[in-house]
PDB file of N, CA and C in Angstrom:
ATOM      1  N   MET A   1     -18.627 125.032 123.839  1.00  0.00           N
ATOM      2  CA  MET A   1     -17.448 124.808 124.660  1.00  0.00           C
ATOM      3  C   MET A   1     -17.043 123.339 124.561  1.00  0.00           C
ATOM      4  N   ARG A   2     -15.792 123.106 124.245  1.00  0.00           N
ATOM      5  CA  ARG A   2     -15.291 121.749 124.097  1.00  0.00           C
ATOM      6  C   ARG A   2     -14.643 121.314 125.403  1.00  0.00           C
ATOM      7  N   LEU A   3     -15.061 120.168 125.898  1.00  0.00           N
ATOM      8  CA  LEU A   3     -14.468 119.641 127.130  1.00  0.00           C
ATOM      9  C   LEU A   3     -13.231 118.832 126.775  1.00  0.00           C
ATOM     10  N   GLU A   4     -12.202 119.003 127.564  1.00  0.00           N
ATOM     11  CA  GLU A   4     -10.967 118.276 127.331  1.00  0.00           C
ATOM     12  C   GLU A   4     -11.070 116.884 127.929  1.00  0.00           C
ATOM     13  N   ASN A   5     -10.731 115.875 127.132  1.00  0.00           N
ATOM     14  CA  ASN A   5     -10.671 114.504 127.645  1.00  0.00           C
ATOM     15  C   ASN A   5      -9.248 114.240 128.069  1.00  0.00           C
ATOM     16  N   ARG A   6      -9.089 113.649 129.213  1.00  0.00           N
ATOM     17  CA  ARG A   6      -7.763 113.339 129.724  1.00  0.00           C
ATOM     18  C   ARG A   6      -7.797 111.929 130.271  1.00  0.00           C
ATOM     19  N   THR A   7      -6.957 111.062 129.743  1.00  0.00           N
ATOM     20  CA  THR A   7      -6.892 109.697 130.238  1.00  0.00           C
ATOM     21  C   THR A   7      -6.040 109.691 131.491  1.00  0.00           C
ATOM     22  N   VAL A   8      -6.594 109.157 132.555  1.00  0.00           N
ATOM     23  CA  VAL A   8      -5.931 109.203 133.845  1.00  0.00           C
ATOM     24  C   VAL A   8      -4.704 108.298 133.866  1.00  0.00           C
ATOM     25  N   SER A   9      -4.615 107.330 132.961  1.00  0.00           N
ATOM     26  CA  SER A   9      -3.431 106.476 132.929  1.00  0.00           C
ATOM     27  C   SER A   9      -2.199 107.286 132.517  1.00  0.00           C
ATOM     28  N   ASP A  10      -2.418 108.486 131.948  1.00  0.00           N
ATOM     29  CA  ASP A  10      -1.298 109.371 131.646  1.00  0.00           C
ATOM     30  C   ASP A  10      -0.661 109.881 132.934  1.00  0.00           C
ATOM     31  N   MET A  11      -1.415 109.809 134.046  1.00  0.00           N
ATOM     32  CA  MET A  11      -0.952 110.328 135.329  1.00  0.00           C
ATOM     33  C   MET A  11      -1.134 109.272 136.418  1.00  0.00           C
ATOM     34  N   PRO A  12      -0.480 108.110 136.333  1.00  0.00           N
ATOM     35  CA  PRO A  12      -0.682 107.100 137.375  1.00  0.00           C
ATOM     36  C   PRO A  12      -0.039 107.533 138.680  1.00  0.00           C
ATOM     37  N   ASN A  13      -0.609 107.027 139.801  1.00  0.00           N
ATOM     38  CA  ASN A  13       0.018 107.322 141.091  1.00  0.00           C
ATOM     39  C   ASN A  13       1.136 106.309 141.329  1.00  0.00           C
ATOM     40  N   GLU A  14       1.771 106.366 142.476  1.00  0.00           N
ATOM     41  CA  GLU A  14       2.928 105.522 142.734  1.00  0.00           C
ATOM     42  C   GLU A  14       2.597 104.030 142.725  1.00  0.00           C
ATOM     43  N   ASP A  15       1.354 103.646 142.968  1.00  0.00           N
ATOM     44  CA  ASP A  15       0.966 102.234 142.973  1.00  0.00           C
ATOM     45  C   ASP A  15       0.650 101.719 141.573  1.00  0.00           C
ATOM     46  N   GLY A  16       0.594 102.624 140.584  1.00  0.00           N
ATOM     47  CA  GLY A  16       0.216 102.222 139.248  1.00  0.00           C
ATOM     48  C   GLY A  16      -1.288 102.125 139.084  1.00  0.00           C
ATOM     49  N   ASP A  17      -2.034 102.467 140.144  1.00  0.00           N
ATOM     50  CA  ASP A  17      -3.492 102.434 140.096  1.00  0.00           C
ATOM     51  C   ASP A  17      -4.003 103.798 139.640  1.00  0.00           C
ATOM     52  N   VAL A  18      -5.293 103.980 139.651  1.00  0.00           N
ATOM     53  CA  VAL A  18      -5.912 105.231 139.227  1.00  0.00           C
ATOM     54  C   VAL A  18      -5.528 106.355 140.195  1.00  0.00           C
ATOM     55  N   ASP A  19      -5.157 107.497 139.650  1.00  0.00           N
ATOM     56  CA  ASP A  19      -4.860 108.672 140.463  1.00  0.00           C
ATOM     57  C   ASP A  19      -6.174 109.407 140.692  1.00  0.00           C
ATOM     58  N   TRP A  20      -6.848 109.076 141.805  1.00  0.00           N
ATOM     59  CA  TRP A  20      -8.191 109.607 142.066  1.00  0.00           C
ATOM     60  C   TRP A  20      -8.176 111.105 142.278  1.00  0.00           C
ATOM     61  N   LYS A  21      -7.104 111.619 142.833  1.00  0.00           N
ATOM     62  CA  LYS A  21      -7.003 113.071 143.025  1.00  0.00           C
ATOM     63  C   LYS A  21      -7.026 113.776 141.676  1.00  0.00           C
ATOM     64  N   ALA A  22      -6.316 113.227 140.699  1.00  0.00           N
ATOM     65  CA  ALA A  22      -6.296 113.811 139.360  1.00  0.00           C
ATOM     66  C   ALA A  22      -7.686 113.747 138.719  1.00  0.00           C
ATOM     67  N   VAL A  23      -8.385 112.636 138.922  1.00  0.00           N
ATOM     68  CA  VAL A  23      -9.741 112.490 138.373  1.00  0.00           C
ATOM     69  C   VAL A  23     -10.652 113.563 138.960  1.00  0.00           C
ATOM     70  N   VAL A  24     -10.635 113.725 140.272  1.00  0.00           N
ATOM     71  CA  VAL A  24     -11.490 114.714 140.939  1.00  0.00           C
ATOM     72  C   VAL A  24     -11.117 116.121 140.495  1.00  0.00           C
ATOM     73  N   ASP A  25      -9.818 116.399 140.359  1.00  0.00           N
ATOM     74  CA  ASP A  25      -9.385 117.723 139.904  1.00  0.00           C
ATOM     75  C   ASP A  25      -9.924 118.028 138.505  1.00  0.00           C
ATOM     76  N   LEU A  26      -9.847 117.047 137.602  1.00  0.00           N
ATOM     77  CA  LEU A  26     -10.379 117.244 136.249  1.00  0.00           C
ATOM     78  C   LEU A  26     -11.877 117.516 136.284  1.00  0.00           C
ATOM     79  N   LEU A  27     -12.604 116.757 137.106  1.00  0.00           N
ATOM     80  CA  LEU A  27     -14.050 116.933 137.192  1.00  0.00           C
ATOM     81  C   LEU A  27     -14.397 118.311 137.746  1.00  0.00           C
ATOM     82  N   ARG A  28     -13.641 118.767 138.733  1.00  0.00           N
ATOM     83  CA  ARG A  28     -13.880 120.105 139.296  1.00  0.00           C
ATOM     84  C   ARG A  28     -13.673 121.192 138.250  1.00  0.00           C
ATOM     85  N   GLU A  29     -12.743 120.944 137.318  1.00  0.00           N
ATOM     86  CA  GLU A  29     -12.461 121.909 136.263  1.00  0.00           C
ATOM     87  C   GLU A  29     -13.506 121.824 135.139  1.00  0.00           C
ATOM     88  N   GLY A  30     -14.448 120.882 135.265  1.00  0.00           N
ATOM     89  CA  GLY A  30     -15.472 120.722 134.236  1.00  0.00           C
ATOM     90  C   GLY A  30     -15.018 119.889 133.058  1.00  0.00           C
ATOM     91  N   LYS A  31     -13.937 119.151 133.241  1.00  0.00           N
ATOM     92  CA  LYS A  31     -13.376 118.338 132.158  1.00  0.00           C
ATOM     93  C   LYS A  31     -13.780 116.883 132.319  1.00  0.00           C
ATOM     94  N   THR A  32     -13.668 116.147 131.233  1.00  0.00           N
ATOM     95  CA  THR A  32     -13.978 114.725 131.232  1.00  0.00           C
ATOM     96  C   THR A  32     -12.714 113.940 131.524  1.00  0.00           C
ATOM     97  N   ALA A  33     -12.821 112.955 132.403  1.00  0.00           N
ATOM     98  CA  ALA A  33     -11.688 112.083 132.729  1.00  0.00           C
ATOM     99  C   ALA A  33     -11.971 110.699 132.161  1.00  0.00           C
ATOM    100  N   GLU A  34     -10.933 110.046 131.678  1.00  0.00           N
ATOM    101  CA  GLU A  34     -11.068 108.680 131.185  1.00  0.00           C
ATOM    102  C   GLU A  34     -10.206 107.773 132.059  1.00  0.00           C
ATOM    103  N   ILE A  35     -10.844 106.726 132.571  1.00  0.00           N
ATOM    104  CA  ILE A  35     -10.154 105.777 133.440  1.00  0.00           C
ATOM    105  C   ILE A  35     -10.024 104.464 132.676  1.00  0.00           C
ATOM    106  N   PRO A  36      -8.794 103.986 132.452  1.00  0.00           N
ATOM    107  CA  PRO A  36      -8.614 102.742 131.711  1.00  0.00           C
ATOM    108  C   PRO A  36      -9.157 101.534 132.478  1.00  0.00           C
ATOM    109  N   CYS A  37      -9.810 100.633 131.763  1.00  0.00           N
ATOM    110  CA  CYS A  37     -10.358  99.410 132.356  1.00  0.00           C
ATOM    111  C   CYS A  37     -10.029  98.241 131.441  1.00  0.00           C
ATOM    112  N   ALA A  38      -9.282  97.289 131.961  1.00  0.00           N
ATOM    113  CA  ALA A  38      -8.878  96.149 131.153  1.00  0.00           C
ATOM    114  C   ALA A  38      -9.904  95.019 131.187  1.00  0.00           C
ATOM    115  N   LYS A  39     -10.592  94.867 132.314  1.00  0.00           N
ATOM    116  CA  LYS A  39     -11.507  93.734 132.491  1.00  0.00           C
ATOM    117  C   LYS A  39     -12.889  94.215 132.902  1.00  0.00           C
ATOM    118  N   GLU A  40     -13.862  93.354 132.762  1.00  0.00           N
ATOM    119  CA  GLU A  40     -15.237  93.657 133.166  1.00  0.00           C
ATOM    120  C   GLU A  40     -15.298  94.028 134.638  1.00  0.00           C
ATOM    121  N   ARG A  41     -14.541  93.320 135.442  1.00  0.00           N
ATOM    122  CA  ARG A  41     -14.507  93.587 136.879  1.00  0.00           C
ATOM    123  C   ARG A  41     -14.050  95.023 137.159  1.00  0.00           C
ATOM    124  N   ASP A  42     -13.073  95.504 136.366  1.00  0.00           N
ATOM    125  CA  ASP A  42     -12.578  96.876 136.531  1.00  0.00           C
ATOM    126  C   ASP A  42     -13.668  97.897 136.241  1.00  0.00           C
ATOM    127  N   TYR A  43     -14.485  97.656 135.211  1.00  0.00           N
ATOM    128  CA  TYR A  43     -15.573  98.576 134.878  1.00  0.00           C
ATOM    129  C   TYR A  43     -16.519  98.744 136.071  1.00  0.00           C
ATOM    130  N   VAL A  44     -16.931  97.626 136.626  1.00  0.00           N
ATOM    131  CA  VAL A  44     -17.891  97.647 137.732  1.00  0.00           C
ATOM    132  C   VAL A  44     -17.287  98.311 138.967  1.00  0.00           C
ATOM    133  N   ARG A  45     -16.092  97.880 139.333  1.00  0.00           N
ATOM    134  CA  ARG A  45     -15.434  98.385 140.548  1.00  0.00           C
ATOM    135  C   ARG A  45     -15.126  99.877 140.430  1.00  0.00           C
ATOM    136  N   ARG A  46     -14.568 100.284 139.313  1.00  0.00           N
ATOM    137  CA  ARG A  46     -14.179 101.689 139.163  1.00  0.00           C
ATOM    138  C   ARG A  46     -15.373 102.610 138.987  1.00  0.00           C
ATOM    139  N   THR A  47     -16.457 102.091 138.394  1.00  0.00           N
ATOM    140  CA  THR A  47     -17.678 102.900 138.294  1.00  0.00           C
ATOM    141  C   THR A  47     -18.174 103.231 139.696  1.00  0.00           C
ATOM    142  N   THR A  48     -18.235 102.219 140.550  1.00  0.00           N
ATOM    143  CA  THR A  48     -18.679 102.426 141.935  1.00  0.00           C
ATOM    144  C   THR A  48     -17.746 103.385 142.660  1.00  0.00           C
ATOM    145  N   GLN A  49     -16.439 103.179 142.493  1.00  0.00           N
ATOM    146  CA  GLN A  49     -15.459 104.020 143.184  1.00  0.00           C
ATOM    147  C   GLN A  49     -15.556 105.477 142.760  1.00  0.00           C
ATOM    148  N   VAL A  50     -15.638 105.725 141.459  1.00  0.00           N
ATOM    149  CA  VAL A  50     -15.616 107.107 140.983  1.00  0.00           C
ATOM    150  C   VAL A  50     -16.881 107.850 141.395  1.00  0.00           C
ATOM    151  N   VAL A  51     -18.033 107.174 141.389  1.00  0.00           N
ATOM    152  CA  VAL A  51     -19.277 107.818 141.807  1.00  0.00           C
ATOM    153  C   VAL A  51     -19.207 108.193 143.288  1.00  0.00           C
ATOM    154  N   LYS A  52     -18.738 107.262 144.124  1.00  0.00           N
ATOM    155  CA  LYS A  52     -18.638 107.542 145.560  1.00  0.00           C
ATOM    156  C   LYS A  52     -17.655 108.671 145.844  1.00  0.00           C
ATOM    157  N   ARG A  53     -16.500 108.642 145.201  1.00  0.00           N
ATOM    158  CA  ARG A  53     -15.484 109.668 145.445  1.00  0.00           C
ATOM    159  C   ARG A  53     -15.959 111.042 144.988  1.00  0.00           C
ATOM    160  N   ALA A  54     -16.629 111.089 143.851  1.00  0.00           N
ATOM    161  CA  ALA A  54     -17.133 112.373 143.343  1.00  0.00           C
ATOM    162  C   ALA A  54     -18.231 112.921 144.253  1.00  0.00           C
ATOM    163  N   GLU A  55     -19.139 112.048 144.702  1.00  0.00           N
ATOM    164  CA  GLU A  55     -20.217 112.499 145.586  1.00  0.00           C
ATOM    165  C   GLU A  55     -19.655 113.028 146.906  1.00  0.00           C
ATOM    166  N   LYS A  56     -18.608 112.397 147.425  1.00  0.00           N
ATOM    167  CA  LYS A  56     -17.984 112.879 148.661  1.00  0.00           C
ATOM    168  C   LYS A  56     -17.439 114.291 148.478  1.00  0.00           C
ATOM    169  N   LYS A  57     -17.028 114.607 147.259  1.00  0.00           N
ATOM    170  CA  LYS A  57     -16.482 115.938 146.976  1.00  0.00           C
ATOM    171  C   LYS A  57     -17.556 116.911 146.495  1.00  0.00           C
ATOM    172  N   GLY A  58     -18.818 116.443 146.458  1.00  0.00           N
ATOM    173  CA  GLY A  58     -19.908 117.324 146.052  1.00  0.00           C
ATOM    174  C   GLY A  58     -20.036 117.503 144.554  1.00  0.00           C
ATOM    175  N   ILE A  59     -19.555 116.532 143.775  1.00  0.00           N
ATOM    176  CA  ILE A  59     -19.608 116.621 142.315  1.00  0.00           C
ATOM    177  C   ILE A  59     -20.528 115.533 141.786  1.00  0.00           C
ATOM    178  N   ALA A  60     -21.550 115.933 141.023  1.00  0.00           N
ATOM    179  CA  ALA A  60     -22.424 114.954 140.374  1.00  0.00           C
ATOM    180  C   ALA A  60     -21.770 114.556 139.054  1.00  0.00           C
ATOM    181  N   VAL A  61     -21.751 113.257 138.764  1.00  0.00           N
ATOM    182  CA  VAL A  61     -21.071 112.788 137.548  1.00  0.00           C
ATOM    183  C   VAL A  61     -21.946 111.834 136.751  1.00  0.00           C
ATOM    184  N   ASP A  62     -21.625 111.753 135.460  1.00  0.00           N
ATOM    185  CA  ASP A  62     -22.182 110.736 134.572  1.00  0.00           C
ATOM    186  C   ASP A  62     -21.024 109.845 134.170  1.00  0.00           C
ATOM    187  N   VAL A  63     -21.226 108.524 134.261  1.00  0.00           N
ATOM    188  CA  VAL A  63     -20.175 107.581 133.891  1.00  0.00           C
ATOM    189  C   VAL A  63     -20.627 106.843 132.641  1.00  0.00           C
ATOM    190  N   LEU A  64     -19.817 106.952 131.593  1.00  0.00           N
ATOM    191  CA  LEU A  64     -20.123 106.308 130.319  1.00  0.00           C
ATOM    192  C   LEU A  64     -19.058 105.262 130.027  1.00  0.00           C
ATOM    193  N   ARG A  65     -19.511 104.115 129.536  1.00  0.00           N
ATOM    194  CA  ARG A  65     -18.568 103.042 129.244  1.00  0.00           C
ATOM    195  C   ARG A  65     -18.097 103.170 127.805  1.00  0.00           C
ATOM    196  N   GLY A  66     -16.784 103.213 127.649  1.00  0.00           N
ATOM    197  CA  GLY A  66     -16.209 103.292 126.310  1.00  0.00           C
ATOM    198  C   GLY A  66     -15.413 102.042 126.016  1.00  0.00           C
ATOM    199  N   GLU A  67     -14.672 102.061 124.917  1.00  0.00           N
ATOM    200  CA  GLU A  67     -13.834 100.939 124.513  1.00  0.00           C
ATOM    201  C   GLU A  67     -12.582 100.915 125.388  1.00  0.00           C
ATOM    202  N   GLY A  68     -12.573 100.094 126.426  1.00  0.00           N
ATOM    203  CA  GLY A  68     -11.416  99.973 127.297  1.00  0.00           C
ATOM    204  C   GLY A  68     -11.264 101.096 128.319  1.00  0.00           C
ATOM    205  N   VAL A  69     -12.247 102.012 128.381  1.00  0.00           N
ATOM    206  CA  VAL A  69     -12.163 103.115 129.342  1.00  0.00           C
ATOM    207  C   VAL A  69     -13.541 103.428 129.912  1.00  0.00           C
ATOM    208  N   LEU A  70     -13.523 104.020 131.098  1.00  0.00           N
ATOM    209  CA  LEU A  70     -14.733 104.632 131.653  1.00  0.00           C
ATOM    210  C   LEU A  70     -14.581 106.128 131.418  1.00  0.00           C
ATOM    211  N   ARG A  71     -15.565 106.731 130.829  1.00  0.00           N
ATOM    212  CA  ARG A  71     -15.539 108.179 130.600  1.00  0.00           C
ATOM    213  C   ARG A  71     -16.391 108.813 131.696  1.00  0.00           C
ATOM    214  N   VAL A  72     -15.783 109.657 132.497  1.00  0.00           N
ATOM    215  CA  VAL A  72     -16.460 110.282 133.631  1.00  0.00           C
ATOM    216  C   VAL A  72     -16.612 111.764 133.314  1.00  0.00           C
ATOM    217  N   GLU A  73     -17.870 112.214 133.274  1.00  0.00           N
ATOM    218  CA  GLU A  73     -18.147 113.608 132.942  1.00  0.00           C
ATOM    219  C   GLU A  73     -18.877 114.268 134.098  1.00  0.00           C
ATOM    220  N   PRO A  74     -18.513 115.515 134.418  1.00  0.00           N
ATOM    221  CA  PRO A  74     -19.265 116.227 135.455  1.00  0.00           C
ATOM    222  C   PRO A  74     -20.665 116.524 134.939  1.00  0.00           C
ATOM    223  N   ARG A  75     -21.673 116.283 135.773  1.00  0.00           N
ATOM    224  CA  ARG A  75     -23.057 116.540 135.384  1.00  0.00           C
ATOM    225  C   ARG A  75     -23.384 117.991 135.736  1.00  0.00           C
ATOM    226  N   PRO A  76     -24.001 118.716 134.785  1.00  0.00           N
ATOM    227  CA  PRO A  76     -24.381 120.097 135.100  1.00  0.00           C
ATOM    228  C   PRO A  76     -25.380 120.116 136.250  1.00  0.00           C
ATOM    229  N   ALA A  77     -25.317 121.156 137.056  1.00  0.00           N
ATOM    230  CA  ALA A  77     -26.220 121.285 138.202  1.00  0.00           C
ATOM    231  C   ALA A  77     -27.654 121.412 137.720  1.00  0.00           C
ATOM    232  N   ALA A  78     -28.588 120.836 138.472  1.00  0.00           N
ATOM    233  CA  ALA A  78     -30.006 120.851 138.101  1.00  0.00           C
ATOM    234  C   ALA A  78     -30.563 122.260 138.070  1.00  0.00           C
ATOM    235  N   GLY A  79     -30.084 123.120 138.956  1.00  0.00           N
ATOM    236  CA  GLY A  79     -30.588 124.488 139.027  1.00  0.00           C
ATOM    237  C   GLY A  79     -29.963 125.393 137.989  1.00  0.00           C
ATOM    238  N   GLY A  80     -29.107 124.839 137.110  1.00  0.00           N
ATOM    239  CA  GLY A  80     -28.454 125.647 136.111  1.00  0.00           C
ATOM    240  C   GLY A  80     -27.301 126.454 136.695  1.00  0.00           C
ATOM    241  N   ASN A  81     -26.873 126.098 137.895  1.00  0.00           N
ATOM    242  CA  ASN A  81     -25.763 126.820 138.522  1.00  0.00           C
ATOM    243  C   ASN A  81     -24.464 126.499 137.812  1.00  0.00           C
ATOM    244  N   ASP A  82     -23.542 127.348 137.968  1.00  0.00           N
ATOM    245  CA  ASP A  82     -22.212 127.240 137.432  1.00  0.00           C
ATOM    246  C   ASP A  82     -21.477 126.065 138.072  1.00  0.00           C
ATOM    247  N   LEU A  83     -20.684 125.321 137.328  1.00  0.00           N
ATOM    248  CA  LEU A  83     -19.933 124.210 137.901  1.00  0.00           C
ATOM    249  C   LEU A  83     -18.894 124.735 138.887  1.00  0.00           C
ATOM    250  N   ALA A  84     -18.295 125.870 138.587  1.00  0.00           N
ATOM    251  CA  ALA A  84     -17.301 126.439 139.498  1.00  0.00           C
ATOM    252  C   ALA A  84     -17.936 126.763 140.853  1.00  0.00           C
ATOM    253  N   HIS A  85     -19.186 127.187 140.829  1.00  0.00           N
ATOM    254  CA  HIS A  85     -19.906 127.486 142.070  1.00  0.00           C
ATOM    255  C   HIS A  85     -20.112 126.201 142.865  1.00  0.00           C
ATOM    256  N   ASN A  86     -20.383 125.096 142.161  1.00  0.00           N
ATOM    257  CA  ASN A  86     -20.666 123.829 142.831  1.00  0.00           C
ATOM    258  C   ASN A  86     -19.414 123.111 143.304  1.00  0.00           C
ATOM    259  N   ALA A  87     -18.251 123.505 142.820  1.00  0.00           N
ATOM    260  CA  ALA A  87     -17.022 122.796 143.168  1.00  0.00           C
ATOM    261  C   ALA A  87     -16.750 122.819 144.669  1.00  0.00           C
ATOM    262  N   GLY A  88     -17.170 123.867 145.375  1.00  0.00           N
ATOM    263  CA  GLY A  88     -16.925 123.947 146.808  1.00  0.00           C
ATOM    264  C   GLY A  88     -18.063 123.433 147.646  1.00  0.00           C
ATOM    265  N   GLU A  89     -19.087 122.864 147.025  1.00  0.00           N
ATOM    266  CA  GLU A  89     -20.263 122.411 147.768  1.00  0.00           C
ATOM    267  C   GLU A  89     -19.933 121.375 148.820  1.00  0.00           C
ATOM    268  N   GLY A  90     -19.050 120.426 148.491  1.00  0.00           N
ATOM    269  CA  GLY A  90     -18.703 119.382 149.445  1.00  0.00           C
ATOM    270  C   GLY A  90     -18.106 119.974 150.701  1.00  0.00           C
ATOM    271  N   THR A  91     -17.263 120.964 150.547  1.00  0.00           N
ATOM    272  CA  THR A  91     -16.644 121.620 151.695  1.00  0.00           C
ATOM    273  C   THR A  91     -17.687 122.356 152.512  1.00  0.00           C
ATOM    274  N   ALA A  92     -18.588 123.068 151.829  1.00  0.00           N
ATOM    275  CA  ALA A  92     -19.633 123.810 152.541  1.00  0.00           C
ATOM    276  C   ALA A  92     -20.536 122.842 153.306  1.00  0.00           C
ATOM    277  N   TYR A  93     -20.867 121.724 152.690  1.00  0.00           N
ATOM    278  CA  TYR A  93     -21.723 120.728 153.332  1.00  0.00           C
ATOM    279  C   TYR A  93     -21.050 120.183 154.590  1.00  0.00           C
ATOM    280  N   ARG A  94     -19.750 119.876 154.484  1.00  0.00           N
ATOM    281  CA  ARG A  94     -19.024 119.373 155.662  1.00  0.00           C
ATOM    282  C   ARG A  94     -19.012 120.425 156.754  1.00  0.00           C
ATOM    283  N   GLY A  95     -18.857 121.692 156.360  1.00  0.00           N
ATOM    284  CA  GLY A  95     -18.868 122.776 157.339  1.00  0.00           C
ATOM    285  C   GLY A  95     -20.201 122.871 158.054  1.00  0.00           C
ATOM    286  N   GLU A  96     -21.303 122.706 157.295  1.00  0.00           N
ATOM    287  CA  GLU A  96     -22.642 122.742 157.893  1.00  0.00           C
ATOM    288  C   GLU A  96     -22.815 121.585 158.868  1.00  0.00           C
ATOM    289  N   ARG A  97     -22.374 120.400 158.480  1.00  0.00           N
ATOM    290  CA  ARG A  97     -22.491 119.228 159.352  1.00  0.00           C
ATOM    291  C   ARG A  97     -21.678 119.430 160.616  1.00  0.00           C
ATOM    292  N   HIS A  98     -20.483 119.987 160.472  1.00  0.00           N
ATOM    293  CA  HIS A  98     -19.635 120.247 161.632  1.00  0.00           C
ATOM    294  C   HIS A  98     -20.337 121.220 162.582  1.00  0.00           C
ATOM    295  N   GLN A  99     -20.929 122.267 162.016  1.00  0.00           N
ATOM    296  CA  GLN A  99     -21.634 123.264 162.817  1.00  0.00           C
ATOM    297  C   GLN A  99     -22.808 122.622 163.564  1.00  0.00           C
ATOM    298  N   GLU A 100     -23.575 121.772 162.878  1.00  0.00           N
ATOM    299  CA  GLU A 100     -24.715 121.102 163.513  1.00  0.00           C
ATOM    300  C   GLU A 100     -24.260 120.201 164.657  1.00  0.00           C
ATOM    301  N   ARG A 101     -23.184 119.452 164.437  1.00  0.00           N
ATOM    302  CA  ARG A 101     -22.667 118.577 165.502  1.00  0.00           C
ATOM    303  C   ARG A 101     -22.211 119.396 166.704  1.00  0.00           C
ATOM    304  N   GLN A 102     -21.545 120.514 166.414  1.00  0.00           N
ATOM    305  CA  GLN A 102     -21.076 121.381 167.492  1.00  0.00           C
ATOM    306  C   GLN A 102     -22.252 121.913 168.316  1.00  0.00           C
ATOM    307  N   GLU A 103     -23.321 122.329 167.625  1.00  0.00           N
ATOM    308  CA  GLU A 103     -24.506 122.843 168.330  1.00  0.00           C
ATOM    309  C   GLU A 103     -25.156 121.759 169.182  1.00  0.00           C
ATOM    310  N   ARG A 104     -25.228 120.532 168.661  1.00  0.00           N
ATOM    311  CA  ARG A 104     -25.799 119.426 169.448  1.00  0.00           C
ATOM    312  C   ARG A 104     -24.962 119.149 170.688  1.00  0.00           C
ATOM    313  N   ARG A 105     -23.622 119.169 170.527  1.00  0.00           N
ATOM    314  CA  ARG A 105     -22.750 118.943 171.682  1.00  0.00           C
ATOM    315  C   ARG A 105     -22.974 119.997 172.758  1.00  0.00           C
ATOM    316  N   GLU A 106     -23.058 121.251 172.321  1.00  0.00           N
ATOM    317  CA  GLU A 106     -23.263 122.335 173.282  1.00  0.00           C
ATOM    318  C   GLU A 106     -24.612 122.212 173.979  1.00  0.00           C
ATOM    319  N   ALA A 107     -25.654 121.804 173.249  1.00  0.00           N
ATOM    320  CA  ALA A 107     -26.975 121.621 173.844  1.00  0.00           C
ATOM    321  C   ALA A 107     -26.934 120.494 174.879  1.00  0.00           C
ATOM    322  N   LEU A 108     -26.248 119.394 174.567  1.00  0.00           N
ATOM    323  CA  LEU A 108     -26.124 118.286 175.520  1.00  0.00           C
ATOM    324  C   LEU A 108     -25.376 118.717 176.773  1.00  0.00           C
ATOM    325  N   ARG A 109     -24.310 119.477 176.589  1.00  0.00           N
ATOM    326  CA  ARG A 109     -23.561 119.976 177.754  1.00  0.00           C
ATOM    327  C   ARG A 109     -24.446 120.855 178.633  1.00  0.00           C
ATOM    328  N   ALA A 110     -25.238 121.720 178.007  1.00  0.00           N
ATOM    329  CA  ALA A 110     -26.127 122.610 178.763  1.00  0.00           C
ATOM    330  C   ALA A 110     -27.167 121.794 179.529  1.00  0.00           C
ATOM    331  N   GLU A 111     -27.715 120.746 178.885  1.00  0.00           N
ATOM    332  CA  GLU A 111     -28.689 119.878 179.561  1.00  0.00           C
ATOM    333  C   GLU A 111     -28.056 119.178 180.752  1.00  0.00           C
ATOM    334  N   ARG A 112     -26.848 118.663 180.563  1.00  0.00           N
ATOM    335  CA  ARG A 112     -26.160 117.973 181.664  1.00  0.00           C
ATOM    336  C   ARG A 112     -25.879 118.935 182.809  1.00  0.00           C
ATOM    337  N   ALA A 113     -25.429 120.131 182.466  1.00  0.00           N
ATOM    338  CA  ALA A 113     -25.136 121.135 183.493  1.00  0.00           C
ATOM    339  C   ALA A 113     -26.419 121.505 184.245  1.00  0.00           C
ATOM    340  N   ALA A 114     -27.536 121.636 183.523  1.00  0.00           N
ATOM    341  CA  ALA A 114     -28.815 121.958 184.160  1.00  0.00           C
ATOM    342  C   ALA A 114     -29.251 120.802 185.057  1.00  0.00           C
ATOM    343  N   GLY A 115     -29.027 119.576 184.628  1.00  0.00           N
ATOM    344  CA  GLY A 115     -29.379 118.406 185.432  1.00  0.00           C
ATOM    345  C   GLY A 115     -28.561 118.320 186.693  1.00  0.00           C
ATOM    346  N   ARG A 116     -27.267 118.665 186.613  1.00  0.00           N
ATOM    347  CA  ARG A 116     -26.408 118.646 187.798  1.00  0.00           C
ATOM    348  C   ARG A 116     -26.810 119.716 188.812  1.00  0.00           C
ATOM    349  N   SER A 117     -27.152 120.887 188.310  1.00  0.00           N
ATOM    350  CA  SER A 117     -27.506 121.973 189.234  1.00  0.00           C
ATOM    351  C   SER A 117     -28.853 121.684 189.895  1.00  0.00           C
ATOM    352  N   GLN A 118     -29.750 120.927 189.249  1.00  0.00           N
ATOM    353  CA  GLN A 118     -31.026 120.558 189.869  1.00  0.00           C
ATOM    354  C   GLN A 118     -30.811 119.519 190.958  1.00  0.00           C
ATOM    355  N   ASP A 119     -29.820 118.631 190.740  1.00  0.00           N
ATOM    356  CA  ASP A 119     -29.532 117.567 191.700  1.00  0.00           C
ATOM    357  C   ASP A 119     -28.915 118.133 192.977  1.00  0.00           C
ATOM    358  N   GLU A 120     -28.249 119.275 192.877  1.00  0.00           N
ATOM    359  CA  GLU A 120     -27.546 119.830 194.040  1.00  0.00           C
ATOM    360  C   GLU A 120     -28.463 120.528 194.971  1.00  0.00           C
TER     361      GLU A 120
END
């Protein structure tokens, strides 16, 4: 299977900066994204940015430095799972965290209510 390389500078956002949504969309599709970098500072800054943004979306990535570009490739899942299956992981994780927070809130409310009824 051949992965499609797509240079993100082909799709700049209104600021002329990297279109991060396009990068994440390409990675979710299992494609390689290329981010143009003119200076050494850009390589360092954009490497950090792309790793953080991908991890927030639940996508593991490999970042390779090329001639004037950063090549960002989705990393296959360790368990051999399908990339399409992993694309929704970030959402599922957020849902789990939301559920846990909700349960903690309800437990605290119950404790407070029990404390008030003991005081009365």
